[in-house]
Structures are given as C-alpha cells and as structure tokens.
C-alpha atoms as a PDB file:
ATOM      1  CA  MET A   1      -6.900  -6.107  40.684  1.00  0.00           C
ATOM      2  CA  LYS A   2      -7.118  -4.794  37.129  1.00  0.00           C
ATOM      3  CA  ASN A   3      -4.282  -7.056  35.977  1.00  0.00           C
ATOM      4  CA  ALA A   4      -5.889 -10.059  37.698  1.00  0.00           C
ATOM      5  CA  ILE A   5      -9.171  -9.460  35.855  1.00  0.00           C
ATOM      6  CA  LYS A   6      -7.305  -8.977  32.574  1.00  0.00           C
ATOM      7  CA  LYS A   7      -5.418 -12.267  33.024  1.00  0.00           C
ATOM      8  CA  THR A   8      -8.624 -14.086  33.977  1.00  0.00           C
ATOM      9  CA  VAL A   9     -10.434 -12.806  30.873  1.00  0.00           C
ATOM     10  CA  SER A  10      -7.454 -13.796  28.720  1.00  0.00           C
ATOM     11  CA  ILE A  11      -7.447 -17.343  30.120  1.00  0.00           C
ATOM     12  CA  LEU A  12     -11.228 -17.634  29.687  1.00  0.00           C
ATOM     13  CA  ARG A  13     -10.943 -16.529  26.048  1.00  0.00           C
ATOM     14  CA  LEU A  14      -8.195 -19.100  25.509  1.00  0.00           C
ATOM     15  CA  LEU A  15     -10.299 -21.891  27.031  1.00  0.00           C
ATOM     16  CA  PHE A  16     -13.388 -20.727  25.139  1.00  0.00           C
ATOM     17  CA  GLY A  17     -11.454 -20.927  21.879  1.00  0.00           C
ATOM     18  CA  ALA A  18     -10.308 -24.459  22.720  1.00  0.00           C
ATOM     19  CA  ILE A  19     -13.912 -25.493  23.423  1.00  0.00           C
ATOM     20  CA  ILE A  20     -15.131 -24.034  20.107  1.00  0.00           C
ATOM     21  CA  LEU A  21     -12.320 -25.889  18.353  1.00  0.00           C
ATOM     22  CA  GLY A  22     -13.369 -29.098  20.090  1.00  0.00           C
ATOM     23  CA  LEU A  23     -16.953 -28.603  18.931  1.00  0.00           C
ATOM     24  CA  ALA A  24     -15.784 -28.157  15.341  1.00  0.00           C
ATOM     25  CA  TYR A  25     -13.835 -31.417  15.463  1.00  0.00           C
ATOM     26  CA  ASN A  26     -16.552 -33.423  17.197  1.00  0.00           C
ATOM     27  CA  VAL A  27     -19.549 -32.138  15.226  1.00  0.00           C
ATOM     28  CA  PHE A  28     -18.224 -31.601  11.713  1.00  0.00           C
ATOM     29  CA  LEU A  29     -14.815 -33.187  11.174  1.00  0.00           C
ATOM     30  CA  ILE A  30     -13.864 -36.319  13.134  1.00  0.00           C
ATOM     31  CA  PRO A  31     -17.173 -38.233  12.613  1.00  0.00           C
ATOM     32  CA  TYR A  32     -16.894 -37.809   8.825  1.00  0.00           C
ATOM     33  CA  LYS A  33     -13.172 -38.645   8.516  1.00  0.00           C
ATOM     34  CA  ILE A  34     -12.262 -35.082   7.514  1.00  0.00           C
ATOM     35  CA  ALA A  35      -8.655 -34.490   8.594  1.00  0.00           C
ATOM     36  CA  PRO A  36      -7.651 -30.890   7.813  1.00  0.00           C
ATOM     37  CA  GLY A  37      -3.965 -31.207   8.614  1.00  0.00           C
ATOM     38  CA  GLY A  38      -2.252 -30.820  11.948  1.00  0.00           C
ATOM     39  CA  VAL A  39      -2.078 -33.130  14.930  1.00  0.00           C
ATOM     40  CA  SER A  40      -5.878 -33.259  14.986  1.00  0.00           C
ATOM     41  CA  GLY A  41      -5.785 -34.739  11.477  1.00  0.00           C
ATOM     42  CA  ILE A  42      -3.413 -37.498  12.595  1.00  0.00           C
ATOM     43  CA  ALA A  43      -5.638 -38.111  15.635  1.00  0.00           C
ATOM     44  CA  THR A  44      -8.663 -38.429  13.339  1.00  0.00           C
ATOM     45  CA  VAL A  45      -6.881 -41.079  11.287  1.00  0.00           C
ATOM     46  CA  LEU A  46      -5.833 -43.015  14.397  1.00  0.00           C
ATOM     47  CA  TYR A  47      -9.358 -42.850  15.800  1.00  0.00           C
ATOM     48  CA  HIS A  48     -10.964 -44.366  12.712  1.00  0.00           C
ATOM     49  CA  VAL A  49      -8.200 -46.838  11.850  1.00  0.00           C
ATOM     50  CA  THR A  50      -8.432 -48.322  15.366  1.00  0.00           C
ATOM     51  CA  ASN A  51     -12.263 -48.193  15.352  1.00  0.00           C
ATOM     52  CA  GLY A  52     -12.325 -45.749  18.231  1.00  0.00           C
ATOM     53  CA  LYS A  53      -9.887 -47.641  20.469  1.00  0.00           C
ATOM     54  CA  ILE A  54      -7.591 -44.600  20.457  1.00  0.00           C
ATOM     55  CA  PRO A  55      -9.722 -41.570  21.461  1.00  0.00           C
ATOM     56  CA  ALA A  56      -9.072 -38.544  19.287  1.00  0.00           C
ATOM     57  CA  GLY A  57      -8.602 -36.160  22.221  1.00  0.00           C
ATOM     58  CA  ALA A  58      -6.096 -38.411  23.967  1.00  0.00           C
ATOM     59  CA  ALA A  59      -4.183 -38.822  20.695  1.00  0.00           C
ATOM     60  CA  ILE A  60      -4.022 -35.046  20.189  1.00  0.00           C
ATOM     61  CA  LEU A  61      -2.613 -34.467  23.677  1.00  0.00           C
ATOM     62  CA  THR A  62      -0.129 -37.363  23.441  1.00  0.00           C
ATOM     63  CA  LEU A  63       1.221 -36.190  20.082  1.00  0.00           C
ATOM     64  CA  ASN A  64       1.484 -32.592  21.298  1.00  0.00           C
ATOM     65  CA  ILE A  65       3.446 -33.246  24.498  1.00  0.00           C
ATOM     66  CA  PRO A  66       6.794 -33.955  22.726  1.00  0.00           C
ATOM     67  CA  LEU A  67       6.281 -30.870  20.541  1.00  0.00           C
ATOM     68  CA  PHE A  68       5.690 -28.684  23.604  1.00  0.00           C
ATOM     69  CA  ILE A  69       8.783 -30.032  25.349  1.00  0.00           C
ATOM     70  CA  LEU A  70      10.961 -29.469  22.283  1.00  0.00           C
ATOM     71  CA  GLY A  71       9.448 -26.038  21.701  1.00  0.00           C
ATOM     72  CA  LEU A  72      10.020 -24.790  25.255  1.00  0.00           C
ATOM     73  CA  LYS A  73      13.311 -23.096  24.388  1.00  0.00           C
ATOM     74  CA  ALA A  74      12.172 -21.773  21.017  1.00  0.00           C
ATOM     75  CA  LYS A  75       8.835 -20.288  22.122  1.00  0.00           C
ATOM     76  CA  GLY A  76       9.326 -19.532  25.801  1.00  0.00           C
ATOM     77  CA  ARG A  77       7.818 -20.844  29.047  1.00  0.00           C
ATOM     78  CA  ARG A  78       4.735 -18.582  29.121  1.00  0.00           C
ATOM     79  CA  PHE A  79       3.700 -19.420  25.562  1.00  0.00           C
ATOM     80  CA  ILE A  80       4.177 -23.169  26.090  1.00  0.00           C
ATOM     81  CA  LEU A  81       2.236 -23.216  29.376  1.00  0.00           C
ATOM     82  CA  ARG A  82      -0.706 -21.330  27.862  1.00  0.00           C
ATOM     83  CA  SER A  83      -0.605 -23.543  24.789  1.00  0.00           C
ATOM     84  CA  PHE A  84      -0.504 -26.701  26.900  1.00  0.00           C
ATOM     85  CA  ALA A  85      -3.540 -25.475  28.840  1.00  0.00           C
ATOM     86  CA  GLY A  86      -5.383 -24.932  25.557  1.00  0.00           C
ATOM     87  CA  ALA A  87      -4.378 -28.352  24.225  1.00  0.00           C
ATOM     88  CA  LEU A  88      -5.395 -30.026  27.495  1.00  0.00           C
ATOM     89  CA  VAL A  89      -8.864 -28.436  27.465  1.00  0.00           C
ATOM     90  CA  LEU A  90      -9.278 -29.239  23.754  1.00  0.00           C
ATOM     91  CA  SER A  91      -8.345 -32.904  24.225  1.00  0.00           C
ATOM     92  CA  PHE A  92     -10.484 -33.337  27.340  1.00  0.00           C
ATOM     93  CA  PHE A  93     -13.492 -31.626  25.729  1.00  0.00           C
ATOM     94  CA  ILE A  94     -13.283 -33.753  22.578  1.00  0.00           C
ATOM     95  CA  ASP A  95     -13.235 -37.066  24.464  1.00  0.00           C
ATOM     96  CA  ILE A  96     -15.687 -36.196  27.228  1.00  0.00           C
ATOM     97  CA  THR A  97     -18.356 -34.841  24.866  1.00  0.00           C
ATOM     98  CA  ALA A  98     -17.869 -37.249  21.947  1.00  0.00           C
ATOM     99  CA  PRO A  99     -20.779 -39.611  22.874  1.00  0.00           C
ATOM    100  CA  LEU A 100     -23.175 -36.731  23.581  1.00  0.00           C
ATOM    101  CA  ILE A 101     -22.302 -34.851  20.391  1.00  0.00           C
ATOM    102  CA  SER A 102     -22.535 -38.080  18.384  1.00  0.00           C
ATOM    103  CA  ASN A 103     -26.168 -38.420  19.455  1.00  0.00           C
ATOM    104  CA  PHE A 104     -26.799 -34.769  18.621  1.00  0.00           C
ATOM    105  CA  THR A 105     -25.400 -35.047  15.098  1.00  0.00           C
ATOM    106  CA  SER A 106     -27.381 -38.211  14.395  1.00  0.00           C
ATOM    107  CA  LEU A 107     -30.602 -36.464  15.414  1.00  0.00           C
ATOM    108  CA  PHE A 108     -30.190 -32.984  13.976  1.00  0.00           C
ATOM    109  CA  LEU A 109     -27.395 -32.887  11.368  1.00  0.00           C
ATOM    110  CA  VAL A 110     -27.929 -36.167   9.570  1.00  0.00           C
ATOM    111  CA  LEU A 111     -31.323 -37.019   8.129  1.00  0.00           C
ATOM    112  CA  PRO A 112     -31.378 -40.675   7.071  1.00  0.00           C
ATOM    113  CA  GLY A 113     -32.182 -41.132   3.412  1.00  0.00           C
ATOM    114  CA  SER A 114     -31.664 -37.479   2.522  1.00  0.00           C
ATOM    115  CA  ALA A 115     -29.056 -36.168   0.119  1.00  0.00           C
ATOM    116  CA  ALA A 116     -27.746 -33.875   2.865  1.00  0.00           C
ATOM    117  CA  SER A 117     -26.737 -36.858   4.985  1.00  0.00           C
ATOM    118  CA  HIS A 118     -23.843 -37.492   2.596  1.00  0.00           C
ATOM    119  CA  ASP A 119     -22.918 -33.904   1.801  1.00  0.00           C
ATOM    120  CA  LEU A 120     -19.394 -33.860   3.196  1.00  0.00           C
ATOM    121  CA  LEU A 121     -18.728 -30.517   1.543  1.00  0.00           C
ATOM    122  CA  LEU A 122     -21.107 -28.803   3.965  1.00  0.00           C
ATOM    123  CA  TYR A 123     -19.419 -30.461   6.927  1.00  0.00           C
ATOM    124  CA  SER A 124     -15.943 -29.527   5.701  1.00  0.00           C
ATOM    125  CA  LEU A 125     -17.009 -25.898   5.175  1.00  0.00           C
ATOM    126  CA  ALA A 126     -18.763 -25.649   8.540  1.00  0.00           C
ATOM    127  CA  GLY A 127     -15.934 -27.442  10.314  1.00  0.00           C
ATOM    128  CA  GLY A 128     -13.350 -25.136   8.774  1.00  0.00           C
ATOM    129  CA  PHE A 129     -15.327 -22.025   9.673  1.00  0.00           C
ATOM    130  CA  VAL A 130     -15.984 -22.984  13.295  1.00  0.00           C
ATOM    131  CA  SER A 131     -12.441 -24.256  13.876  1.00  0.00           C
ATOM    132  CA  GLY A 132     -11.093 -21.001  12.400  1.00  0.00           C
ATOM    133  CA  ILE A 133     -13.052 -19.019  14.993  1.00  0.00           C
ATOM    134  CA  GLY A 134     -11.752 -21.241  17.778  1.00  0.00           C
ATOM    135  CA  LEU A 135      -8.164 -20.888  16.592  1.00  0.00           C
ATOM    136  CA  GLY A 136      -8.660 -17.125  16.332  1.00  0.00           C
ATOM    137  CA  PHE A 137      -9.570 -16.929  20.026  1.00  0.00           C
ATOM    138  CA  VAL A 138      -6.591 -19.085  21.006  1.00  0.00           C
ATOM    139  CA  LEU A 139      -4.012 -17.229  18.884  1.00  0.00           C
ATOM    140  CA  SER A 140      -5.302 -13.814  19.999  1.00  0.00           C
ATOM    141  CA  GLU A 141      -4.322 -14.773  23.558  1.00  0.00           C
ATOM    142  CA  ASP A 142      -0.700 -15.536  22.609  1.00  0.00           C
ATOM    143  CA  ALA A 143      -1.102 -19.311  22.610  1.00  0.00           C
ATOM    144  CA  THR A 144      -1.752 -22.261  20.337  1.00  0.00           C
ATOM    145  CA  THR A 145      -3.188 -25.743  20.689  1.00  0.00           C
ATOM    146  CA  GLY A 146       0.048 -27.260  19.405  1.00  0.00           C
ATOM    147  CA  GLY A 147       0.128 -29.174  16.150  1.00  0.00           C
ATOM    148  CA  THR A 148       2.022 -28.635  12.940  1.00  0.00           C
ATOM    149  CA  ASP A 149       2.614 -24.931  13.594  1.00  0.00           C
ATOM    150  CA  MET A 150       4.850 -25.899  16.513  1.00  0.00           C
ATOM    151  CA  GLY A 151       6.531 -28.559  14.383  1.00  0.00           C
ATOM    152  CA  ALA A 152       7.129 -26.008  11.628  1.00  0.00           C
ATOM    153  CA  VAL A 153       8.851 -23.648  14.081  1.00  0.00           C
ATOM    154  CA  LEU A 154      11.106 -26.452  15.340  1.00  0.00           C
ATOM    155  CA  LEU A 155      12.028 -27.556  11.822  1.00  0.00           C
ATOM    156  CA  ASN A 156      12.834 -23.946  10.940  1.00  0.00           C
ATOM    157  CA  LYS A 157      15.373 -23.913  13.778  1.00  0.00           C
ATOM    158  CA  VAL A 158      17.124 -26.902  12.173  1.00  0.00           C
ATOM    159  CA  PHE A 159      16.699 -25.713   8.564  1.00  0.00           C
ATOM    160  CA  PRO A 160      16.623 -21.874   8.857  1.00  0.00           C
ATOM    161  CA  TRP A 161      16.794 -21.391   5.077  1.00  0.00           C
ATOM    162  CA  VAL A 162      13.269 -22.842   4.755  1.00  0.00           C
ATOM    163  CA  GLN A 163      10.505 -20.523   5.894  1.00  0.00           C
ATOM    164  CA  VAL A 164       8.102 -21.539   8.676  1.00  0.00           C
ATOM    165  CA  GLY A 165       5.140 -21.035   6.335  1.00  0.00           C
ATOM    166  CA  LYS A 166       6.569 -23.495   3.812  1.00  0.00           C
ATOM    167  CA  PHE A 167       7.143 -26.103   6.516  1.00  0.00           C
ATOM    168  CA  LEU A 168       3.564 -25.605   7.689  1.00  0.00           C
ATOM    169  CA  ILE A 169       2.203 -26.225   4.192  1.00  0.00           C
ATOM    170  CA  ILE A 170       4.390 -29.330   3.799  1.00  0.00           C
ATOM    171  CA  LEU A 171       3.395 -30.814   7.166  1.00  0.00           C
ATOM    172  CA  ASP A 172      -0.320 -30.160   6.734  1.00  0.00           C
ATOM    173  CA  GLY A 173      -0.132 -31.514   3.183  1.00  0.00           C
ATOM    174  CA  LEU A 174       1.493 -34.709   4.440  1.00  0.00           C
ATOM    175  CA  VAL A 175      -1.230 -35.173   7.065  1.00  0.00           C
ATOM    176  CA  VAL A 176      -3.966 -34.747   4.437  1.00  0.00           C
ATOM    177  CA  LEU A 177      -2.154 -37.210   2.148  1.00  0.00           C
ATOM    178  CA  ILE A 178      -1.833 -39.753   4.972  1.00  0.00           C
ATOM    179  CA  ALA A 179      -5.549 -39.394   5.733  1.00  0.00           C
ATOM    180  CA  ALA A 180      -6.504 -39.903   2.082  1.00  0.00           C
ATOM    181  CA  ILE A 181      -4.369 -43.050   1.900  1.00  0.00           C
ATOM    182  CA  ALA A 182      -5.587 -44.408   5.248  1.00  0.00           C
ATOM    183  CA  PHE A 183      -9.254 -43.868   4.369  1.00  0.00           C
ATOM    184  CA  LYS A 184      -8.684 -44.960   0.748  1.00  0.00           C
ATOM    185  CA  SER A 185     -10.556 -41.917  -0.480  1.00  0.00           C
ATOM    186  CA  PHE A 186      -9.177 -39.141  -2.680  1.00  0.00           C
ATOM    187  CA  SER A 187     -12.386 -37.143  -2.178  1.00  0.00           C
ATOM    188  CA  LEU A 188     -11.949 -37.138   1.618  1.00  0.00           C
ATOM    189  CA  GLY A 189      -8.488 -35.700   1.063  1.00  0.00           C
ATOM    190  CA  LEU A 190      -9.978 -32.909  -1.033  1.00  0.00           C
ATOM    191  CA  TYR A 191     -12.651 -32.195   1.586  1.00  0.00           C
ATOM    192  CA  SER A 192      -9.867 -31.968   4.168  1.00  0.00           C
ATOM    193  CA  VAL A 193      -8.054 -29.414   2.002  1.00  0.00           C
ATOM    194  CA  VAL A 194     -11.262 -27.363   1.705  1.00  0.00           C
ATOM    195  CA  SER A 195     -11.733 -27.411   5.475  1.00  0.00           C
ATOM    196  CA  LEU A 196      -8.091 -26.456   6.049  1.00  0.00           C
ATOM    197  CA  PHE A 197      -8.387 -23.511   3.647  1.00  0.00           C
ATOM    198  CA  ILE A 198     -11.635 -22.203   5.183  1.00  0.00           C
ATOM    199  CA  SER A 199     -10.194 -22.542   8.682  1.00  0.00           C
ATOM    200  CA  ALA A 200      -7.113 -20.512   7.724  1.00  0.00           C
ATOM    201  CA  ARG A 201      -9.145 -17.757   6.039  1.00  0.00           C
ATOM    202  CA  THR A 202     -11.596 -17.538   8.947  1.00  0.00           C
ATOM    203  CA  MET A 203      -8.767 -17.385  11.470  1.00  0.00           C
ATOM    204  CA  ASP A 204      -7.070 -14.634   9.454  1.00  0.00           C
ATOM    205  CA  GLY A 205     -10.287 -12.629   9.380  1.00  0.00           C
ATOM    206  CA  PHE A 206     -10.724 -13.075  13.140  1.00  0.00           C
ATOM    207  CA  LEU A 207      -7.222 -11.773  13.769  1.00  0.00           C
ATOM    208  CA  GLU A 208      -7.785  -8.809  11.411  1.00  0.00           C
ATOM    209  CA  GLY A 209      -5.401  -9.991   8.786  1.00  0.00           C
ATOM    210  CA  ILE A 210      -4.891 -12.198   5.804  1.00  0.00           C
ATOM    211  CA  ASN A 211      -1.740 -14.018   4.814  1.00  0.00           C
ATOM    212  CA  PHE A 212       0.266 -10.809   4.923  1.00  0.00           C
ATOM    213  CA  SER A 213       2.013  -8.773   7.565  1.00  0.00           C
ATOM    214  CA  LYS A 214       0.595  -5.513   8.859  1.00  0.00           C
ATOM    215  CA  SER A 215       2.139  -2.083   8.907  1.00  0.00           C
ATOM    216  CA  LEU A 216       1.173   0.279  11.714  1.00  0.00           C
ATOM    217  CA  MET A 217       1.691   4.023  11.935  1.00  0.00           C
ATOM    218  CA  ILE A 218       1.063   5.314  15.450  1.00  0.00           C
ATOM    219  CA  ILE A 219       0.721   9.000  16.295  1.00  0.00           C
ATOM    220  CA  SER A 220       0.682   9.690  20.021  1.00  0.00           C
ATOM    221  CA  ARG A 221       1.914  12.115  22.663  1.00  0.00           C
ATOM    222  CA  LYS A 222       3.318   9.065  24.470  1.00  0.00           C
ATOM    223  CA  SER A 223       5.225   7.642  21.512  1.00  0.00           C
ATOM    224  CA  GLU A 224       8.413   6.952  23.513  1.00  0.00           C
ATOM    225  CA  GLU A 225       6.531   4.862  26.071  1.00  0.00           C
ATOM    226  CA  ILE A 226       4.632   2.959  23.350  1.00  0.00           C
ATOM    227  CA  ALA A 227       7.825   2.283  21.378  1.00  0.00           C
ATOM    228  CA  ASP A 228       9.639   0.934  24.445  1.00  0.00           C
ATOM    229  CA  LYS A 229       6.824  -1.468  25.264  1.00  0.00           C
ATOM    230  CA  LEU A 230       6.481  -2.662  21.661  1.00  0.00           C
ATOM    231  CA  ILE A 231      10.194  -3.428  21.503  1.00  0.00           C
ATOM    232  CA  LYS A 232      10.187  -5.292  24.820  1.00  0.00           C
ATOM    233  CA  GLU A 233       6.876  -7.197  24.618  1.00  0.00           C
ATOM    234  CA  VAL A 234       6.351  -7.754  20.885  1.00  0.00           C
ATOM    235  CA  ASN A 235      10.059  -7.981  20.030  1.00  0.00           C
ATOM    236  CA  ARG A 236       9.642  -5.936  16.853  1.00  0.00           C
ATOM    237  CA  GLY A 237      11.687  -2.992  15.662  1.00  0.00           C
ATOM    238  CA  VAL A 238      10.062   0.440  15.811  1.00  0.00           C
ATOM    239  CA  THR A 239      11.103   3.435  13.726  1.00  0.00           C
ATOM    240  CA  GLY A 240      10.398   6.986  14.915  1.00  0.00           C
ATOM    241  CA  MET A 241       9.782   9.748  12.361  1.00  0.00           C
ATOM    242  CA  TYR A 242       9.384  13.404  13.243  1.00  0.00           C
ATOM    243  CA  GLY A 243       6.110  14.951  12.136  1.00  0.00           C
ATOM    244  CA  LYS A 244       3.990  18.013  12.784  1.00  0.00           C
ATOM    245  CA  GLY A 245       0.233  18.491  12.980  1.00  0.00           C
ATOM    246  CA  MET A 246      -0.524  21.049  10.273  1.00  0.00           C
ATOM    247  CA  TYR A 247      -3.611  22.330  12.110  1.00  0.00           C
ATOM    248  CA  THR A 248      -2.223  22.525  15.638  1.00  0.00           C
ATOM    249  CA  LYS A 249       1.406  23.057  14.515  1.00  0.00           C
ATOM    250  CA  ASN A 250       2.404  20.679  17.332  1.00  0.00           C
ATOM    251  CA  PRO A 251       5.378  18.344  16.751  1.00  0.00           C
ATOM    252  CA  TYR A 252       4.787  14.589  17.050  1.00  0.00           C
ATOM    253  CA  MET A 253       6.846  11.439  16.890  1.00  0.00           C
ATOM    254  CA  VAL A 254       5.244   9.099  14.332  1.00  0.00           C
ATOM    255  CA  LEU A 255       5.995   5.424  15.002  1.00  0.00           C
ATOM    256  CA  LEU A 256       6.300   2.897  12.179  1.00  0.00           C
ATOM    257  CA  CYS A 257       6.129  -0.792  13.036  1.00  0.00           C
ATOM    258  CA  VAL A 258       5.590  -3.930  10.930  1.00  0.00           C
ATOM    259  CA  VAL A 259       4.169  -7.006  12.670  1.00  0.00           C
ATOM    260  CA  LYS A 260       2.769 -10.423  11.830  1.00  0.00           C
ATOM    261  CA  LYS A 261      -0.978 -10.964  11.880  1.00  0.00           C
ATOM    262  CA  GLU A 262      -0.960 -12.866  15.177  1.00  0.00           C
ATOM    263  CA  GLU A 263       0.797  -9.921  16.860  1.00  0.00           C
ATOM    264  CA  ILE A 264      -1.763  -7.264  15.873  1.00  0.00           C
ATOM    265  CA  HIS A 265      -4.018  -7.955  18.846  1.00  0.00           C
ATOM    266  CA  LYS A 266      -1.139  -7.471  21.291  1.00  0.00           C
ATOM    267  CA  VAL A 267       0.057  -4.240  19.614  1.00  0.00           C
ATOM    268  CA  LYS A 268      -3.422  -2.695  19.658  1.00  0.00           C
ATOM    269  CA  ASN A 269      -3.826  -3.563  23.330  1.00  0.00           C
ATOM    270  CA  ILE A 270      -0.468  -1.958  24.184  1.00  0.00           C
ATOM    271  CA  VAL A 271      -1.380   1.280  22.376  1.00  0.00           C
ATOM    272  CA  LYS A 272      -4.841   1.359  23.957  1.00  0.00           C
ATOM    273  CA  GLU A 273      -3.404   0.784  27.431  1.00  0.00           C
ATOM    274  CA  ILE A 274      -0.835   3.589  27.184  1.00  0.00           C
ATOM    275  CA  ASP A 275      -2.733   6.161  25.120  1.00  0.00           C
ATOM    276  CA  PRO A 276      -6.428   5.493  24.288  1.00  0.00           C
ATOM    277  CA  SER A 277      -6.498   8.663  22.180  1.00  0.00           C
ATOM    278  CA  ALA A 278      -3.592   7.597  19.936  1.00  0.00           C
ATOM    279  CA  PHE A 279      -4.124   7.718  16.177  1.00  0.00           C
ATOM    280  CA  VAL A 280      -3.347   4.346  14.576  1.00  0.00           C
ATOM    281  CA  LEU A 281      -3.210   3.457  10.871  1.00  0.00           C
ATOM    282  CA  LEU A 282      -3.261  -0.251  10.025  1.00  0.00           C
ATOM    283  CA  THR A 283      -2.475  -1.377   6.476  1.00  0.00           C
ATOM    284  CA  ASP A 284      -1.726  -4.647   4.671  1.00  0.00           C
ATOM    285  CA  VAL A 285       1.856  -5.328   3.633  1.00  0.00           C
ATOM    286  CA  ARG A 286       2.194  -7.780   0.751  1.00  0.00           C
ATOM    287  CA  GLU A 287       5.809  -8.711   1.439  1.00  0.00           C
ATOM    288  CA  VAL A 288       8.305  -7.908   4.173  1.00  0.00           C
ATOM    289  CA  LEU A 289      12.001  -8.614   3.686  1.00  0.00           C
ATOM    290  CA  GLY A 290      14.416  -8.505   6.587  1.00  0.00           C
ATOM    291  CA  GLU A 291      15.069  -9.751  10.103  1.00  0.00           C
ATOM    292  CA  GLY A 292      12.106 -11.501  11.708  1.00  0.00           C
ATOM    293  CA  PHE A 293      10.264 -11.863   8.387  1.00  0.00           C
ATOM    294  CA  THR A 294      11.238 -13.222   4.963  1.00  0.00           C
ATOM    295  CA  PRO A 295      15.033 -13.253   4.491  1.00  0.00           C
ATOM    296  CA  HIS A 296      16.546 -11.468   1.489  1.00  0.00           C
ATOM    297  CA  GLN A 297      17.216 -13.858  -1.371  1.00  0.00           C
ATOM    298  CA  LYS A 298      19.372 -13.511  -4.460  1.00  0.00           C
ATOM    299  CA  ASP A 299      17.540 -13.369  -7.789  1.00  0.00           C
END
C-alpha cells in the first residue's frame, strides 16, 4: 500500500511538472516566438512558420517519439516510459489549452498601447522561470519530457569523446539560431538565450544544485544497507571510510558518494527510507574526473 501511494505521488508530480511546463510555453514563450532551445523551440518555429497549421504540442510529441525509441537501450525502459508519459501530457496540455490561454494573455498580460505589451524580456524571464520549475518536477521523478537532452545522450554514445553537456549546448544553440533565422530577428534569438539560461538556473535551484556535481558524506548505523542500495539503484560508486564518534566513542562507517545534480533527490530518498536519523553532508563539487563523470584528459 505504501509503495502504491509513493508511486502515485511520483506520477502526479511528474504530470504536474509537465502541466507547469505547458503553461510556461503557452503563456510566455510560444505566443511571442521565444524558442529557448530543445524540441519545444523547433515546435515553436514550426507553429509560427506554418501560421498555426502545425500545433506546437503535436510537433513536440512527433519529434520526441524517434528520440524515445532510439534512447530505449541507452536510458532504460522505465525512464523512457515515464518520459513518454510526461511528453504526452505536455503535448496534449499545450494544444488543448492554447485557445483558452491565448484569450487569457490578451486580456491580462498584454495591455494594448502600453510599453509592457512589447516587453519580450519580461516574457522570456517569466517563461524561463516557470519552465525551470516544471522541468525540476519532471527531473526529480527520474524522467524527462524528451528534447535535446535525449539527443545529446544519443550523440554521446556515437561520439563518446564529446561530453553530453557540450552536445546539449551545441544542440540548444542550433535551435536558437534556427529560430532567429526563421523569425528574421536577432533580438528574438537573444531573448531565447535569456529564457534558456533562466530555465536552467531555476531547474538547478529546484534540484538543489547548480552546474556541478554533489559530494555526499553519510554517517549511519545502517551504512552497509544504504551503500548497497545506492550502488544498485543510483549506479554510483560508494566508498566506505572507518570513523569514530569522539563523544560516544562508537565506531561508524562513513560513506562517500559523488552524484550528479539530478540524482540528489533519489539519494536523499534512499537514505531517508533506510535510516531517517542518518547524518548527511551535501557539498558542491566543482569538477569530477573519472568514470561516469568527466573523463581524464591529457594537458
């Protein structure tokens, strides 16, 4: 029963994140031709270039399906199924609510004749912030809504010497460039970059991280059980170091583990589930070299 409730809450959080993301696109981004990278950026271009004949939501889902199929082996069945569910809800929500939200924005966000009606900077900032929150919910539930992050992972499999992060920057940059060319506006390209940056920073804050990895030191009486579950479920190495409480004089096994920002939520849940009284230290790591992170490079 407990597991069923936990899974239900996880799915609801995933769907809630997709809905928030859809609101960000419909209210702040798509209507104003702001395309902050990703598949959604391409969908925005297609929507405006075809004068609405290709709905943005349908375009997002159509472009994502091949990426999900190709990424099935690389990311695993569970991750792909959850991600597809998120992408499906996102696409459906964008298209089904587009007319209603269009009326809302014309009444409340845009005041004809006012300077604010043309302030795309505000829309790019708000769109980036809200979409970052939505993405934070989705990523915290071990899923994604597809897009360039999936494409970056697939390209990394073909060209392993190029980091996933670099591919992500290249792909998002290309989408922004395509949007600027399609809309014949350099300023719209810059607004898209602003929105992309704000979205990334907001998402990082939501997931309790920035663009760095995180180092965790875990002190618990159940360190063996925690270490086993971290290795199996997070697929990260764990190092055990012998320590002793100087007040109690009791010996402890101190666990050291380095994870990526999107894995922090899962690690904290594992520790909480096994030992709610465990002592956990979480610190930023500027650079991690080695397996699973940045490969060692010759100077």
